[in-house]
PDB file of N, CA and C in Angstrom:
ATOM      1  N   MET A   1     -27.271 -14.436  -1.168  1.00  0.00           N
ATOM      2  CA  MET A   1     -27.094 -15.005  -2.479  1.00  0.00           C
ATOM      3  C   MET A   1     -27.755 -16.372  -2.571  1.00  0.00           C
ATOM      4  N   LEU A   2     -27.686 -17.133  -1.463  1.00  0.00           N
ATOM      5  CA  LEU A   2     -28.336 -18.445  -1.497  1.00  0.00           C
ATOM      6  C   LEU A   2     -29.821 -18.295  -1.801  1.00  0.00           C
ATOM      7  N   GLU A   3     -30.437 -17.350  -1.127  1.00  0.00           N
ATOM      8  CA  GLU A   3     -31.874 -17.161  -1.322  1.00  0.00           C
ATOM      9  C   GLU A   3     -32.190 -16.600  -2.694  1.00  0.00           C
ATOM     10  N   THR A   4     -31.426 -15.630  -3.137  1.00  0.00           N
ATOM     11  CA  THR A   4     -31.726 -14.946  -4.389  1.00  0.00           C
ATOM     12  C   THR A   4     -31.399 -15.791  -5.606  1.00  0.00           C
ATOM     13  N   LEU A   5     -30.203 -16.340  -5.655  1.00  0.00           N
ATOM     14  CA  LEU A   5     -29.768 -17.050  -6.856  1.00  0.00           C
ATOM     15  C   LEU A   5     -30.225 -18.501  -6.917  1.00  0.00           C
ATOM     16  N   LEU A   6     -30.150 -19.179  -5.772  1.00  0.00           N
ATOM     17  CA  LEU A   6     -30.448 -20.610  -5.763  1.00  0.00           C
ATOM     18  C   LEU A   6     -31.825 -20.938  -5.180  1.00  0.00           C
ATOM     19  N   LYS A   7     -32.531 -19.903  -4.740  1.00  0.00           N
ATOM     20  CA  LYS A   7     -33.840 -20.097  -4.095  1.00  0.00           C
ATOM     21  C   LYS A   7     -33.728 -21.009  -2.871  1.00  0.00           C
ATOM     22  N   ASN A   8     -32.551 -20.962  -2.220  1.00  0.00           N
ATOM     23  CA  ASN A   8     -32.280 -21.787  -1.054  1.00  0.00           C
ATOM     24  C   ASN A   8     -32.631 -20.973   0.184  1.00  0.00           C
ATOM     25  N   THR A   9     -33.793 -21.213   0.747  1.00  0.00           N
ATOM     26  CA  THR A   9     -34.231 -20.471   1.932  1.00  0.00           C
ATOM     27  C   THR A   9     -34.085 -21.292   3.203  1.00  0.00           C
ATOM     28  N   TYR A  10     -33.513 -22.476   3.107  1.00  0.00           N
ATOM     29  CA  TYR A  10     -33.458 -23.362   4.261  1.00  0.00           C
ATOM     30  C   TYR A  10     -32.063 -23.444   4.906  1.00  0.00           C
ATOM     31  N   THR A  11     -31.001 -22.954   4.269  1.00  0.00           N
ATOM     32  CA  THR A  11     -29.661 -23.008   4.861  1.00  0.00           C
ATOM     33  C   THR A  11     -29.382 -21.695   5.582  1.00  0.00           C
ATOM     34  N   PRO A  12     -29.243 -21.733   6.914  1.00  0.00           N
ATOM     35  CA  PRO A  12     -28.920 -20.498   7.636  1.00  0.00           C
ATOM     36  C   PRO A  12     -27.532 -19.995   7.217  1.00  0.00           C
ATOM     37  N   ILE A  13     -27.412 -18.728   6.954  1.00  0.00           N
ATOM     38  CA  ILE A  13     -26.157 -18.136   6.494  1.00  0.00           C
ATOM     39  C   ILE A  13     -25.056 -18.340   7.530  1.00  0.00           C
ATOM     40  N   GLU A  14     -25.413 -18.400   8.811  1.00  0.00           N
ATOM     41  CA  GLU A  14     -24.417 -18.574   9.857  1.00  0.00           C
ATOM     42  C   GLU A  14     -23.680 -19.903   9.722  1.00  0.00           C
ATOM     43  N   TRP A  15     -24.321 -20.918   9.141  1.00  0.00           N
ATOM     44  CA  TRP A  15     -23.670 -22.213   8.959  1.00  0.00           C
ATOM     45  C   TRP A  15     -22.496 -22.108   7.996  1.00  0.00           C
ATOM     46  N   GLU A  16     -22.557 -21.194   7.095  1.00  0.00           N
ATOM     47  CA  GLU A  16     -21.495 -21.024   6.106  1.00  0.00           C
ATOM     48  C   GLU A  16     -20.331 -20.190   6.658  1.00  0.00           C
ATOM     49  N   GLY A  17     -20.474 -19.655   7.850  1.00  0.00           N
ATOM     50  CA  GLY A  17     -19.398 -18.884   8.459  1.00  0.00           C
ATOM     51  C   GLY A  17     -19.323 -17.442   7.984  1.00  0.00           C
ATOM     52  N   TYR A  18     -20.349 -16.951   7.324  1.00  0.00           N
ATOM     53  CA  TYR A  18     -20.353 -15.576   6.833  1.00  0.00           C
ATOM     54  C   TYR A  18     -21.289 -14.732   7.680  1.00  0.00           C
ATOM     55  N   ALA A  19     -20.897 -13.483   7.848  1.00  0.00           N
ATOM     56  CA  ALA A  19     -21.763 -12.544   8.553  1.00  0.00           C
ATOM     57  C   ALA A  19     -22.377 -11.616   7.515  1.00  0.00           C
ATOM     58  N   PRO A  20     -23.654 -11.332   7.625  1.00  0.00           N
ATOM     59  CA  PRO A  20     -24.256 -10.367   6.695  1.00  0.00           C
ATOM     60  C   PRO A  20     -23.530  -9.026   6.792  1.00  0.00           C
ATOM     61  N   TYR A  21     -23.424  -8.338   5.665  1.00  0.00           N
ATOM     62  CA  TYR A  21     -22.661  -7.089   5.614  1.00  0.00           C
ATOM     63  C   TYR A  21     -23.147  -6.070   6.635  1.00  0.00           C
ATOM     64  N   ASP A  22     -24.434  -6.067   6.931  1.00  0.00           N
ATOM     65  CA  ASP A  22     -24.954  -5.087   7.876  1.00  0.00           C
ATOM     66  C   ASP A  22     -24.719  -5.479   9.332  1.00  0.00           C
ATOM     67  N   LYS A  23     -24.127  -6.665   9.557  1.00  0.00           N
ATOM     68  CA  LYS A  23     -23.837  -7.111  10.919  1.00  0.00           C
ATOM     69  C   LYS A  23     -22.326  -7.183  11.172  1.00  0.00           C
ATOM     70  N   LEU A  24     -21.517  -6.753  10.216  1.00  0.00           N
ATOM     71  CA  LEU A  24     -20.068  -6.749  10.402  1.00  0.00           C
ATOM     72  C   LEU A  24     -19.672  -5.649  11.378  1.00  0.00           C
ATOM     73  N   PRO A  25     -18.607  -5.878  12.157  1.00  0.00           N
ATOM     74  CA  PRO A  25     -18.156  -4.806  13.048  1.00  0.00           C
ATOM     75  C   PRO A  25     -17.608  -3.650  12.220  1.00  0.00           C
ATOM     76  N   PRO A  26     -17.683  -2.443  12.735  1.00  0.00           N
ATOM     77  CA  PRO A  26     -17.165  -1.303  11.966  1.00  0.00           C
ATOM     78  C   PRO A  26     -15.654  -1.426  11.767  1.00  0.00           C
ATOM     79  N   ARG A  27     -15.191  -0.988  10.593  1.00  0.00           N
ATOM     80  CA  ARG A  27     -13.769  -1.018  10.286  1.00  0.00           C
ATOM     81  C   ARG A  27     -13.073   0.085  11.064  1.00  0.00           C
ATOM     82  N   ALA A  28     -11.903  -0.232  11.589  1.00  0.00           N
ATOM     83  CA  ALA A  28     -11.139   0.771  12.319  1.00  0.00           C
ATOM     84  C   ALA A  28     -10.733   1.886  11.359  1.00  0.00           C
ATOM     85  N   PRO A  29     -10.795   3.117  11.795  1.00  0.00           N
ATOM     86  CA  PRO A  29     -10.397   4.214  10.904  1.00  0.00           C
ATOM     87  C   PRO A  29      -8.904   4.160  10.611  1.00  0.00           C
ATOM     88  N   LEU A  30      -8.516   4.676   9.438  1.00  0.00           N
ATOM     89  CA  LEU A  30      -7.112   4.734   9.080  1.00  0.00           C
ATOM     90  C   LEU A  30      -6.381   5.686  10.015  1.00  0.00           C
ATOM     91  N   LYS A  31      -5.118   5.385  10.269  1.00  0.00           N
ATOM     92  CA  LYS A  31      -4.294   6.243  11.113  1.00  0.00           C
ATOM     93  C   LYS A  31      -4.230   7.639  10.493  1.00  0.00           C
ATOM     94  N   GLN A  32      -4.281   8.642  11.337  1.00  0.00           N
ATOM     95  CA  GLN A  32      -4.183  10.017  10.868  1.00  0.00           C
ATOM     96  C   GLN A  32      -2.711  10.374  10.639  1.00  0.00           C
ATOM     97  N   HIS A  33      -2.417  10.908   9.477  1.00  0.00           N
ATOM     98  CA  HIS A  33      -1.057  11.287   9.114  1.00  0.00           C
ATOM     99  C   HIS A  33      -1.000  12.784   8.848  1.00  0.00           C
ATOM    100  N   LYS A  34       0.185  13.336   9.019  1.00  0.00           N
ATOM    101  CA  LYS A  34       0.395  14.741   8.696  1.00  0.00           C
ATOM    102  C   LYS A  34       1.158  14.805   7.381  1.00  0.00           C
ATOM    103  N   ILE A  35       0.602  15.475   6.400  1.00  0.00           N
ATOM    104  CA  ILE A  35       1.230  15.612   5.094  1.00  0.00           C
ATOM    105  C   ILE A  35       2.236  16.755   5.152  1.00  0.00           C
ATOM    106  N   VAL A  36       3.442  16.487   4.631  1.00  0.00           N
ATOM    107  CA  VAL A  36       4.474  17.519   4.590  1.00  0.00           C
ATOM    108  C   VAL A  36       4.901  17.740   3.143  1.00  0.00           C
ATOM    109  N   ALA A  37       5.475  18.897   2.889  1.00  0.00           N
ATOM    110  CA  ALA A  37       6.003  19.191   1.553  1.00  0.00           C
ATOM    111  C   ALA A  37       7.410  18.614   1.455  1.00  0.00           C
ATOM    112  N   VAL A  38       7.702  17.992   0.294  1.00  0.00           N
ATOM    113  CA  VAL A  38       9.004  17.386   0.053  1.00  0.00           C
ATOM    114  C   VAL A  38       9.552  17.954  -1.249  1.00  0.00           C
ATOM    115  N   ASP A  39      10.847  18.185  -1.277  1.00  0.00           N
ATOM    116  CA  ASP A  39      11.514  18.699  -2.470  1.00  0.00           C
ATOM    117  C   ASP A  39      11.242  17.770  -3.651  1.00  0.00           C
ATOM    118  N   PRO A  40      10.745  18.287  -4.770  1.00  0.00           N
ATOM    119  CA  PRO A  40      10.462  17.446  -5.941  1.00  0.00           C
ATOM    120  C   PRO A  40      11.674  16.653  -6.426  1.00  0.00           C
ATOM    121  N   LYS A  41      12.884  17.188  -6.249  1.00  0.00           N
ATOM    122  CA  LYS A  41      14.089  16.454  -6.647  1.00  0.00           C
ATOM    123  C   LYS A  41      14.254  15.190  -5.816  1.00  0.00           C
ATOM    124  N   LEU A  42      13.848  15.255  -4.567  1.00  0.00           N
ATOM    125  CA  LEU A  42      13.908  14.077  -3.709  1.00  0.00           C
ATOM    126  C   LEU A  42      12.905  13.028  -4.186  1.00  0.00           C
ATOM    127  N   LEU A  43      11.707  13.471  -4.571  1.00  0.00           N
ATOM    128  CA  LEU A  43      10.707  12.535  -5.101  1.00  0.00           C
ATOM    129  C   LEU A  43      11.236  11.846  -6.354  1.00  0.00           C
ATOM    130  N   ASP A  44      11.936  12.589  -7.211  1.00  0.00           N
ATOM    131  CA  ASP A  44      12.516  12.001  -8.420  1.00  0.00           C
ATOM    132  C   ASP A  44      13.536  10.922  -8.073  1.00  0.00           C
ATOM    133  N   ARG A  45      14.275  11.106  -6.999  1.00  0.00           N
ATOM    134  CA  ARG A  45      15.273  10.101  -6.588  1.00  0.00           C
ATOM    135  C   ARG A  45      14.615   8.809  -6.122  1.00  0.00           C
ATOM    136  N   TYR A  46      13.414   8.885  -5.585  1.00  0.00           N
ATOM    137  CA  TYR A  46      12.722   7.687  -5.114  1.00  0.00           C
ATOM    138  C   TYR A  46      12.070   6.897  -6.249  1.00  0.00           C
ATOM    139  N   ALA A  47      11.779   7.571  -7.352  1.00  0.00           N
ATOM    140  CA  ALA A  47      11.119   6.892  -8.477  1.00  0.00           C
ATOM    141  C   ALA A  47      12.028   5.806  -9.023  1.00  0.00           C
ATOM    142  N   GLY A  48      11.432   4.658  -9.342  1.00  0.00           N
ATOM    143  CA  GLY A  48      12.193   3.533  -9.878  1.00  0.00           C
ATOM    144  C   GLY A  48      11.464   2.231  -9.656  1.00  0.00           C
ATOM    145  N   ARG A  49      12.188   1.149  -9.885  1.00  0.00           N
ATOM    146  CA  ARG A  49      11.620  -0.185  -9.698  1.00  0.00           C
ATOM    147  C   ARG A  49      12.334  -0.872  -8.539  1.00  0.00           C
ATOM    148  N   TYR A  50      11.548  -1.541  -7.709  1.00  0.00           N
ATOM    149  CA  TYR A  50      12.055  -2.213  -6.523  1.00  0.00           C
ATOM    150  C   TYR A  50      11.565  -3.657  -6.539  1.00  0.00           C
ATOM    151  N   GLU A  51      12.412  -4.573  -6.072  1.00  0.00           N
ATOM    152  CA  GLU A  51      12.047  -5.995  -6.137  1.00  0.00           C
ATOM    153  C   GLU A  51      12.002  -6.613  -4.755  1.00  0.00           C
ATOM    154  N   ILE A  52      10.932  -7.390  -4.551  1.00  0.00           N
ATOM    155  CA  ILE A  52      10.822  -8.249  -3.384  1.00  0.00           C
ATOM    156  C   ILE A  52      11.056  -9.660  -3.900  1.00  0.00           C
ATOM    157  N   PRO A  53      12.150 -10.328  -3.472  1.00  0.00           N
ATOM    158  CA  PRO A  53      12.442 -11.664  -3.996  1.00  0.00           C
ATOM    159  C   PRO A  53      11.301 -12.633  -3.720  1.00  0.00           C
ATOM    160  N   PRO A  54      11.012 -13.581  -4.616  1.00  0.00           N
ATOM    161  CA  PRO A  54      11.844 -13.884  -5.770  1.00  0.00           C
ATOM    162  C   PRO A  54      11.497 -13.074  -7.017  1.00  0.00           C
ATOM    163  N   ASN A  55      10.265 -12.610  -7.196  1.00  0.00           N
ATOM    164  CA  ASN A  55       9.954 -11.947  -8.468  1.00  0.00           C
ATOM    165  C   ASN A  55       8.794 -10.956  -8.394  1.00  0.00           C
ATOM    166  N   VAL A  56       8.643 -10.271  -7.283  1.00  0.00           N
ATOM    167  CA  VAL A  56       7.618  -9.231  -7.180  1.00  0.00           C
ATOM    168  C   VAL A  56       8.304  -7.890  -7.435  1.00  0.00           C
ATOM    169  N   VAL A  57       7.892  -7.215  -8.499  1.00  0.00           N
ATOM    170  CA  VAL A  57       8.492  -5.927  -8.848  1.00  0.00           C
ATOM    171  C   VAL A  57       7.460  -4.823  -8.622  1.00  0.00           C
ATOM    172  N   LEU A  58       7.866  -3.822  -7.864  1.00  0.00           N
ATOM    173  CA  LEU A  58       7.023  -2.672  -7.556  1.00  0.00           C
ATOM    174  C   LEU A  58       7.596  -1.454  -8.266  1.00  0.00           C
ATOM    175  N   THR A  59       6.728  -0.689  -8.903  1.00  0.00           N
ATOM    176  CA  THR A  59       7.154   0.509  -9.614  1.00  0.00           C
ATOM    177  C   THR A  59       6.695   1.739  -8.845  1.00  0.00           C
ATOM    178  N   VAL A  60       7.648   2.621  -8.563  1.00  0.00           N
ATOM    179  CA  VAL A  60       7.362   3.886  -7.884  1.00  0.00           C
ATOM    180  C   VAL A  60       7.516   4.995  -8.915  1.00  0.00           C
ATOM    181  N   ARG A  61       6.491   5.827  -9.032  1.00  0.00           N
ATOM    182  CA  ARG A  61       6.507   6.943  -9.980  1.00  0.00           C
ATOM    183  C   ARG A  61       6.227   8.250  -9.245  1.00  0.00           C
ATOM    184  N   ARG A  62       6.813   9.317  -9.765  1.00  0.00           N
ATOM    185  CA  ARG A  62       6.489  10.639  -9.236  1.00  0.00           C
ATOM    186  C   ARG A  62       5.209  11.099  -9.906  1.00  0.00           C
ATOM    187  N   GLU A  63       4.272  11.579  -9.102  1.00  0.00           N
ATOM    188  CA  GLU A  63       2.981  12.069  -9.586  1.00  0.00           C
ATOM    189  C   GLU A  63       2.776  13.477  -9.028  1.00  0.00           C
ATOM    190  N   GLY A  64       3.491  14.443  -9.551  1.00  0.00           N
ATOM    191  CA  GLY A  64       3.373  15.807  -9.022  1.00  0.00           C
ATOM    192  C   GLY A  64       4.100  15.934  -7.707  1.00  0.00           C
ATOM    193  N   ASP A  65       3.363  16.217  -6.616  1.00  0.00           N
ATOM    194  CA  ASP A  65       3.998  16.398  -5.315  1.00  0.00           C
ATOM    195  C   ASP A  65       3.845  15.173  -4.408  1.00  0.00           C
ATOM    196  N   TYR A  66       3.578  14.025  -5.000  1.00  0.00           N
ATOM    197  CA  TYR A  66       3.516  12.772  -4.248  1.00  0.00           C
ATOM    198  C   TYR A  66       4.012  11.655  -5.157  1.00  0.00           C
ATOM    199  N   LEU A  67       4.016  10.423  -4.645  1.00  0.00           N
ATOM    200  CA  LEU A  67       4.453   9.253  -5.407  1.00  0.00           C
ATOM    201  C   LEU A  67       3.291   8.294  -5.597  1.00  0.00           C
ATOM    202  N   SER A  68       3.454   7.378  -6.540  1.00  0.00           N
ATOM    203  CA  SER A  68       2.499   6.283  -6.671  1.00  0.00           C
ATOM    204  C   SER A  68       3.285   4.978  -6.646  1.00  0.00           C
ATOM    205  N   LEU A  69       2.646   3.932  -6.196  1.00  0.00           N
ATOM    206  CA  LEU A  69       3.237   2.602  -6.087  1.00  0.00           C
ATOM    207  C   LEU A  69       2.332   1.629  -6.814  1.00  0.00           C
ATOM    208  N   GLN A  70       2.930   0.790  -7.672  1.00  0.00           N
ATOM    209  CA  GLN A  70       2.120  -0.148  -8.452  1.00  0.00           C
ATOM    210  C   GLN A  70       2.875  -1.456  -8.632  1.00  0.00           C
ATOM    211  N   GLU A  71       2.147  -2.554  -8.465  1.00  0.00           N
ATOM    212  CA  GLU A  71       2.691  -3.884  -8.735  1.00  0.00           C
ATOM    213  C   GLU A  71       2.053  -4.400 -10.009  1.00  0.00           C
ATOM    214  N   LYS A  72       2.861  -4.666 -11.015  1.00  0.00           N
ATOM    215  CA  LYS A  72       2.415  -5.177 -12.314  1.00  0.00           C
ATOM    216  C   LYS A  72       1.189  -4.421 -12.808  1.00  0.00           C
ATOM    217  N   ASP A  73       0.081  -5.128 -13.067  1.00  0.00           N
ATOM    218  CA  ASP A  73      -1.130  -4.504 -13.597  1.00  0.00           C
ATOM    219  C   ASP A  73      -2.138  -4.131 -12.509  1.00  0.00           C
ATOM    220  N   GLU A  74      -1.724  -4.209 -11.255  1.00  0.00           N
ATOM    221  CA  GLU A  74      -2.620  -3.847 -10.150  1.00  0.00           C
ATOM    222  C   GLU A  74      -2.887  -2.337 -10.178  1.00  0.00           C
ATOM    223  N   PRO A  75      -3.985  -1.902  -9.574  1.00  0.00           N
ATOM    224  CA  PRO A  75      -4.220  -0.452  -9.487  1.00  0.00           C
ATOM    225  C   PRO A  75      -3.118   0.208  -8.658  1.00  0.00           C
ATOM    226  N   LYS A  76      -2.738   1.402  -9.044  1.00  0.00           N
ATOM    227  CA  LYS A  76      -1.683   2.086  -8.307  1.00  0.00           C
ATOM    228  C   LYS A  76      -2.245   2.696  -7.025  1.00  0.00           C
ATOM    229  N   GLN A  77      -1.348   2.837  -6.044  1.00  0.00           N
ATOM    230  CA  GLN A  77      -1.688   3.490  -4.779  1.00  0.00           C
ATOM    231  C   GLN A  77      -0.948   4.818  -4.717  1.00  0.00           C
ATOM    232  N   ASP A  78      -1.600   5.837  -4.232  1.00  0.00           N
ATOM    233  CA  ASP A  78      -0.930   7.118  -4.019  1.00  0.00           C
ATOM    234  C   ASP A  78      -0.179   7.062  -2.702  1.00  0.00           C
ATOM    235  N   LEU A  79       1.074   7.514  -2.723  1.00  0.00           N
ATOM    236  CA  LEU A  79       1.904   7.598  -1.525  1.00  0.00           C
ATOM    237  C   LEU A  79       2.181   9.068  -1.245  1.00  0.00           C
ATOM    238  N   VAL A  80       1.749   9.522  -0.097  1.00  0.00           N
ATOM    239  CA  VAL A  80       1.846  10.929   0.280  1.00  0.00           C
ATOM    240  C   VAL A  80       2.950  11.064   1.336  1.00  0.00           C
ATOM    241  N   PRO A  81       3.792  12.112   1.226  1.00  0.00           N
ATOM    242  CA  PRO A  81       4.899  12.244   2.177  1.00  0.00           C
ATOM    243  C   PRO A  81       4.450  12.644   3.583  1.00  0.00           C
ATOM    244  N   GLU A  82       5.051  11.950   4.546  1.00  0.00           N
ATOM    245  CA  GLU A  82       4.859  12.283   5.957  1.00  0.00           C
ATOM    246  C   GLU A  82       6.170  12.853   6.534  1.00  0.00           C
ATOM    247  N   SER A  83       7.267  12.546   5.848  1.00  0.00           N
ATOM    248  CA  SER A  83       8.582  13.112   6.156  1.00  0.00           C
ATOM    249  C   SER A  83       9.401  13.004   4.874  1.00  0.00           C
ATOM    250  N   ASP A  84      10.671  13.349   4.935  1.00  0.00           N
ATOM    251  CA  ASP A  84      11.506  13.270   3.735  1.00  0.00           C
ATOM    252  C   ASP A  84      11.660  11.847   3.205  1.00  0.00           C
ATOM    253  N   ARG A  85      11.484  10.853   4.050  1.00  0.00           N
ATOM    254  CA  ARG A  85      11.657   9.476   3.582  1.00  0.00           C
ATOM    255  C   ARG A  85      10.498   8.543   3.909  1.00  0.00           C
ATOM    256  N   ASP A  86       9.522   9.018   4.653  1.00  0.00           N
ATOM    257  CA  ASP A  86       8.369   8.198   5.034  1.00  0.00           C
ATOM    258  C   ASP A  86       7.121   8.655   4.297  1.00  0.00           C
ATOM    259  N   PHE A  87       6.415   7.677   3.719  1.00  0.00           N
ATOM    260  CA  PHE A  87       5.218   7.958   2.939  1.00  0.00           C
ATOM    261  C   PHE A  87       4.106   7.025   3.398  1.00  0.00           C
ATOM    262  N   PHE A  88       2.864   7.448   3.173  1.00  0.00           N
ATOM    263  CA  PHE A  88       1.732   6.601   3.532  1.00  0.00           C
ATOM    264  C   PHE A  88       0.749   6.539   2.377  1.00  0.00           C
ATOM    265  N   SER A  89       0.023   5.430   2.320  1.00  0.00           N
ATOM    266  CA  SER A  89      -0.987   5.238   1.289  1.00  0.00           C
ATOM    267  C   SER A  89      -2.260   5.952   1.699  1.00  0.00           C
ATOM    268  N   THR A  90      -2.922   6.541   0.709  1.00  0.00           N
ATOM    269  CA  THR A  90      -4.201   7.195   0.988  1.00  0.00           C
ATOM    270  C   THR A  90      -5.356   6.204   0.947  1.00  0.00           C
ATOM    271  N   ALA A  91      -5.087   4.972   0.501  1.00  0.00           N
ATOM    272  CA  ALA A  91      -6.157   3.989   0.321  1.00  0.00           C
ATOM    273  C   ALA A  91      -6.107   2.841   1.326  1.00  0.00           C
ATOM    274  N   SER A  92      -5.021   2.737   2.086  1.00  0.00           N
ATOM    275  CA  SER A  92      -4.882   1.624   3.020  1.00  0.00           C
ATOM    276  C   SER A  92      -4.000   2.051   4.183  1.00  0.00           C
ATOM    277  N   ASP A  93      -3.677   1.097   5.044  1.00  0.00           N
ATOM    278  CA  ASP A  93      -2.787   1.366   6.172  1.00  0.00           C
ATOM    279  C   ASP A  93      -1.317   1.211   5.791  1.00  0.00           C
ATOM    280  N   ASP A  94      -1.021   0.924   4.528  1.00  0.00           N
ATOM    281  CA  ASP A  94       0.346   0.690   4.082  1.00  0.00           C
ATOM    282  C   ASP A  94       1.194   1.948   4.234  1.00  0.00           C
ATOM    283  N   GLN A  95       2.441   1.733   4.630  1.00  0.00           N
ATOM    284  CA  GLN A  95       3.403   2.817   4.731  1.00  0.00           C
ATOM    285  C   GLN A  95       4.697   2.374   4.058  1.00  0.00           C
ATOM    286  N   VAL A  96       5.495   3.338   3.611  1.00  0.00           N
ATOM    287  CA  VAL A  96       6.742   3.058   2.913  1.00  0.00           C
ATOM    288  C   VAL A  96       7.831   3.959   3.477  1.00  0.00           C
ATOM    289  N   THR A  97       9.013   3.386   3.694  1.00  0.00           N
ATOM    290  CA  THR A  97      10.185   4.148   4.097  1.00  0.00           C
ATOM    291  C   THR A  97      11.285   3.902   3.075  1.00  0.00           C
ATOM    292  N   PHE A  98      11.839   4.963   2.525  1.00  0.00           N
ATOM    293  CA  PHE A  98      12.940   4.848   1.568  1.00  0.00           C
ATOM    294  C   PHE A  98      14.254   4.955   2.320  1.00  0.00           C
ATOM    295  N   GLN A  99      15.236   4.152   1.884  1.00  0.00           N
ATOM    296  CA  GLN A  99      16.540   4.159   2.527  1.00  0.00           C
ATOM    297  C   GLN A  99      17.605   4.517   1.503  1.00  0.00           C
ATOM    298  N   ALA A 100      18.499   5.415   1.901  1.00  0.00           N
ATOM    299  CA  ALA A 100      19.578   5.866   1.026  1.00  0.00           C
ATOM    300  C   ALA A 100      20.920   5.618   1.714  1.00  0.00           C
ATOM    301  N   ASP A 101      21.972   5.492   0.893  1.00  0.00           N
ATOM    302  CA  ASP A 101      23.311   5.330   1.445  1.00  0.00           C
ATOM    303  C   ASP A 101      23.890   6.703   1.806  1.00  0.00           C
ATOM    304  N   ARG A 102      25.141   6.733   2.216  1.00  0.00           N
ATOM    305  CA  ARG A 102      25.768   7.990   2.647  1.00  0.00           C
ATOM    306  C   ARG A 102      25.846   9.024   1.530  1.00  0.00           C
ATOM    307  N   ASP A 103      25.899   8.544   0.276  1.00  0.00           N
ATOM    308  CA  ASP A 103      25.988   9.449  -0.868  1.00  0.00           C
ATOM    309  C   ASP A 103      24.614   9.917  -1.354  1.00  0.00           C
ATOM    310  N   GLY A 104      23.566   9.456  -0.704  1.00  0.00           N
ATOM    311  CA  GLY A 104      22.217   9.864  -1.082  1.00  0.00           C
ATOM    312  C   GLY A 104      21.568   9.005  -2.147  1.00  0.00           C
ATOM    313  N   HIS A 105      22.213   7.882  -2.527  1.00  0.00           N
ATOM    314  CA  HIS A 105      21.627   6.981  -3.519  1.00  0.00           C
ATOM    315  C   HIS A 105      20.593   6.083  -2.844  1.00  0.00           C
ATOM    316  N   VAL A 106      19.374   6.135  -3.341  1.00  0.00           N
ATOM    317  CA  VAL A 106      18.291   5.320  -2.764  1.00  0.00           C
ATOM    318  C   VAL A 106      18.489   3.880  -3.230  1.00  0.00           C
ATOM    319  N   TRP A 107      18.646   2.969  -2.282  1.00  0.00           N
ATOM    320  CA  TRP A 107      18.945   1.589  -2.622  1.00  0.00           C
ATOM    321  C   TRP A 107      17.844   0.616  -2.199  1.00  0.00           C
ATOM    322  N   GLN A 108      16.899   1.085  -1.385  1.00  0.00           N
ATOM    323  CA  GLN A 108      15.885   0.168  -0.868  1.00  0.00           C
ATOM    324  C   GLN A 108      14.686   0.950  -0.356  1.00  0.00           C
ATOM    325  N   MET A 109      13.537   0.288  -0.417  1.00  0.00           N
ATOM    326  CA  MET A 109      12.373   0.813   0.296  1.00  0.00           C
ATOM    327  C   MET A 109      11.845  -0.311   1.172  1.00  0.00           C
ATOM    328  N   VAL A 110      11.261   0.070   2.275  1.00  0.00           N
ATOM    329  CA  VAL A 110      10.688  -0.904   3.199  1.00  0.00           C
ATOM    330  C   VAL A 110       9.192  -0.648   3.261  1.00  0.00           C
ATOM    331  N   LEU A 111       8.420  -1.694   2.948  1.00  0.00           N
ATOM    332  CA  LEU A 111       6.963  -1.624   3.040  1.00  0.00           C
ATOM    333  C   LEU A 111       6.566  -2.029   4.448  1.00  0.00           C
ATOM    334  N   HIS A 112       5.720  -1.248   5.068  1.00  0.00           N
ATOM    335  CA  HIS A 112       5.190  -1.561   6.392  1.00  0.00           C
ATOM    336  C   HIS A 112       3.720  -1.940   6.175  1.00  0.00           C
ATOM    337  N   VAL A 113       3.467  -3.251   6.163  1.00  0.00           N
ATOM    338  CA  VAL A 113       2.152  -3.774   5.807  1.00  0.00           C
ATOM    339  C   VAL A 113       1.710  -4.792   6.854  1.00  0.00           C
ATOM    340  N   ASP A 114       0.538  -4.594   7.415  1.00  0.00           N
ATOM    341  CA  ASP A 114      -0.042  -5.549   8.372  1.00  0.00           C
ATOM    342  C   ASP A 114       0.928  -5.922   9.494  1.00  0.00           C
ATOM    343  N   GLY A 115       1.654  -4.949  10.009  1.00  0.00           N
ATOM    344  CA  GLY A 115       2.580  -5.202  11.104  1.00  0.00           C
ATOM    345  C   GLY A 115       3.895  -5.842  10.679  1.00  0.00           C
ATOM    346  N   LYS A 116       4.136  -5.986   9.387  1.00  0.00           N
ATOM    347  CA  LYS A 116       5.370  -6.583   8.884  1.00  0.00           C
ATOM    348  C   LYS A 116       6.172  -5.532   8.131  1.00  0.00           C
ATOM    349  N   ASP A 117       7.490  -5.680   8.165  1.00  0.00           N
ATOM    350  CA  ASP A 117       8.392  -4.824   7.393  1.00  0.00           C
ATOM    351  C   ASP A 117       8.976  -5.665   6.264  1.00  0.00           C
ATOM    352  N   ILE A 118       8.689  -5.282   5.032  1.00  0.00           N
ATOM    353  CA  ILE A 118       9.114  -6.045   3.864  1.00  0.00           C
ATOM    354  C   ILE A 118      10.079  -5.190   3.051  1.00  0.00           C
ATOM    355  N   ALA A 119      11.325  -5.657   2.960  1.00  0.00           N
ATOM    356  CA  ALA A 119      12.363  -4.915   2.231  1.00  0.00           C
ATOM    357  C   ALA A 119      12.244  -5.184   0.738  1.00  0.00           C
ATOM    358  N   ALA A 120      12.373  -4.121  -0.047  1.00  0.00           N
ATOM    359  CA  ALA A 120      12.364  -4.224  -1.511  1.00  0.00           C
ATOM    360  C   ALA A 120      13.589  -3.465  -2.014  1.00  0.00           C
ATOM    361  N   ARG A 121      14.525  -4.198  -2.622  1.00  0.00           N
ATOM    362  CA  ARG A 121      15.747  -3.594  -3.149  1.00  0.00           C
ATOM    363  C   ARG A 121      15.501  -2.921  -4.472  1.00  0.00           C
ATOM    364  N   ARG A 122      16.159  -1.817  -4.665  1.00  0.00           N
ATOM    365  CA  ARG A 122      16.039  -1.086  -5.932  1.00  0.00           C
ATOM    366  C   ARG A 122      16.746  -1.863  -7.036  1.00  0.00           C
ATOM    367  N   VAL A 123      16.061  -2.035  -8.175  1.00  0.00           N
ATOM    368  CA  VAL A 123      16.659  -2.739  -9.303  1.00  0.00           C
ATOM    369  C   VAL A 123      16.905  -1.819 -10.491  1.00  0.00           C
ATOM    370  N   GLU A 124      16.322  -0.640 -10.513  1.00  0.00           N
ATOM    371  CA  GLU A 124      16.608   0.360 -11.552  1.00  0.00           C
ATOM    372  C   GLU A 124      16.054   1.705 -11.165  1.00  0.00           C
TER     373      GLU A 124
END
């Protein structure tokens, strides 16, 4: 960009701390998951809104035989079932685990992102 936009041919790109896209190391492949069939009624129970304090609200929707996860106006992510309560994103390494009480009421989901577990309580 320095050369193209600013006609700057004298600043080595390495000084700026950037690596040219063709010299970046290859991205690690996404973990391989096994997709399982889940009862649609169970997917309906997971649909709702979940909050990460203080004010991040995530919306989970049923999309046929899988779920989607969306934060505000961000693009939604598809969540595909790996077990009755564990789901994975088809677009990233993100994973989600839903937690229910003894009566089967889903009260929380846990996001597994970048090696961290982030709890999101159900708000509706």
